[in-house]
Protein backbone atom coordinates (compact mmCIF):
# COMPACT_ATOMS: atom_id res chain seq x y z
CA UNK A 1 64.02 23.20 -0.05
CA UNK A 2 61.26 24.83 -2.26
CA UNK A 3 61.79 28.88 -3.27
CA UNK A 4 58.46 30.28 -1.68
CA UNK A 5 59.95 33.95 -2.31
CA UNK A 6 58.78 33.87 -6.16
CA UNK A 7 55.11 33.27 -4.94
CA UNK A 8 52.79 36.06 -5.30
CA UNK A 9 50.04 37.00 -2.68
CA UNK A 10 47.35 38.87 -2.47
CA UNK A 11 46.01 40.99 0.48
CA UNK A 12 42.22 40.28 1.36
CA UNK A 13 40.53 42.85 4.33
CA UNK A 14 37.99 41.50 6.55
CA UNK A 15 36.11 44.36 8.03
CA UNK A 16 33.64 43.73 11.22
CA UNK A 17 30.56 45.50 11.96
CA UNK A 18 32.31 48.21 14.24
CA UNK A 19 34.44 49.18 11.78
CA UNK A 20 37.83 47.46 13.07
CA UNK A 21 39.51 45.20 10.23
CA UNK A 22 42.20 42.72 9.76
CA UNK A 23 44.01 41.68 6.54
CA UNK A 24 45.09 38.22 5.49
CA UNK A 25 47.88 37.62 2.46
CA UNK A 26 47.20 34.38 0.60
CA UNK A 27 48.43 33.10 -2.68
CA UNK A 28 46.11 33.59 -5.74
CA UNK A 29 47.38 30.30 -7.12
CA UNK A 30 45.80 28.43 -3.47
CA UNK A 31 42.55 30.40 -3.85
CA UNK A 32 42.08 29.43 -7.78
CA UNK A 33 42.94 25.93 -6.57
CA UNK A 34 39.72 26.08 -4.84
CA UNK A 35 37.70 28.14 -7.28
CA UNK A 36 34.73 26.86 -9.42
CA UNK A 37 34.55 28.14 -13.15
CA UNK A 38 33.06 31.93 -12.43
CA UNK A 39 33.61 32.51 -8.58
CA UNK A 40 35.41 35.35 -7.53
CA UNK A 41 38.56 34.86 -5.21
CA UNK A 42 36.76 37.02 -2.53
CA UNK A 43 33.90 34.44 -2.65
CA UNK A 44 36.09 31.71 -2.11
CA UNK A 45 37.88 33.33 0.88
CA UNK A 46 34.24 34.09 2.43
CA UNK A 47 33.41 30.29 1.52
CA UNK A 48 36.62 28.99 3.37
CA UNK A 49 36.20 31.43 6.44
CA UNK A 50 32.60 30.08 6.87
CA UNK A 51 33.84 26.58 6.58
CA UNK A 52 36.21 27.27 9.28
CA UNK A 53 33.95 28.67 11.57
CA UNK A 54 31.68 25.84 11.07
CA UNK A 55 34.04 23.36 11.77
CA UNK A 56 35.42 24.89 14.58
CA UNK A 57 31.93 25.08 16.01
CA UNK A 58 31.05 21.70 15.28
CA UNK A 59 34.16 20.49 17.33
CA UNK A 60 33.56 22.49 20.16
CA UNK A 61 29.98 21.14 20.53
CA UNK A 62 30.58 17.45 19.55
CA UNK A 63 34.44 16.67 19.79
CA UNK A 64 35.01 18.13 23.50
CA UNK A 65 34.97 16.54 26.72
CA UNK A 66 31.71 17.63 28.48
CA UNK A 67 28.48 18.72 27.47
CA UNK A 68 28.48 22.15 25.69
CA UNK A 69 26.22 24.86 27.11
CA UNK A 70 23.14 25.54 25.46
CA UNK A 71 24.62 29.05 23.94
CA UNK A 72 27.19 27.32 22.08
CA UNK A 73 25.00 24.62 20.90
CA UNK A 74 22.68 27.50 19.31
CA UNK A 75 25.87 29.38 18.16
CA UNK A 76 26.69 26.08 16.39
CA UNK A 77 23.20 25.37 14.91
CA UNK A 78 22.78 28.95 13.50
CA UNK A 79 26.40 28.66 11.94
CA UNK A 80 25.44 25.84 10.34
CA UNK A 81 22.09 27.33 8.89
CA UNK A 82 24.11 30.14 7.55
CA UNK A 83 26.69 27.86 5.91
CA UNK A 84 23.95 25.96 4.34
CA UNK A 85 22.71 29.26 3.11
CA UNK A 86 25.95 30.38 1.88
CA UNK A 87 27.17 27.05 0.44
CA UNK A 88 23.78 25.68 -0.72
CA UNK A 89 24.42 22.29 0.97
CA UNK A 90 24.43 21.16 4.74
CA UNK A 91 27.57 21.15 6.51
CA UNK A 92 27.34 17.14 6.61
CA UNK A 93 27.08 16.87 2.92
CA UNK A 94 29.91 19.13 2.47
CA UNK A 95 32.35 17.40 4.73
CA UNK A 96 30.55 13.38 4.52
CA UNK A 97 30.50 13.73 8.59
CA UNK A 98 27.52 13.60 10.61
CA UNK A 99 26.40 12.77 14.09
């Protein structure tokens, strides 16, 4: 069994528009695995958050039974736009997955 007690972690804070916040603890080595050259760890955490949200929105629209509501479709489309603005490529390009 691997000893995870020796793995350091860092705490990142997520703050919402209403002032509420949450914290997430991550090993900096995990973030470094995903970093590109001069990216900050905070940028990587933000990028991963938007990737995760867009994946979930995509699943809600394209991989569930029944037809999604127009509201859900609009939310998914807006999330894709925000993803492209932040990441610089489309969700389809990033994942190699399209419909």
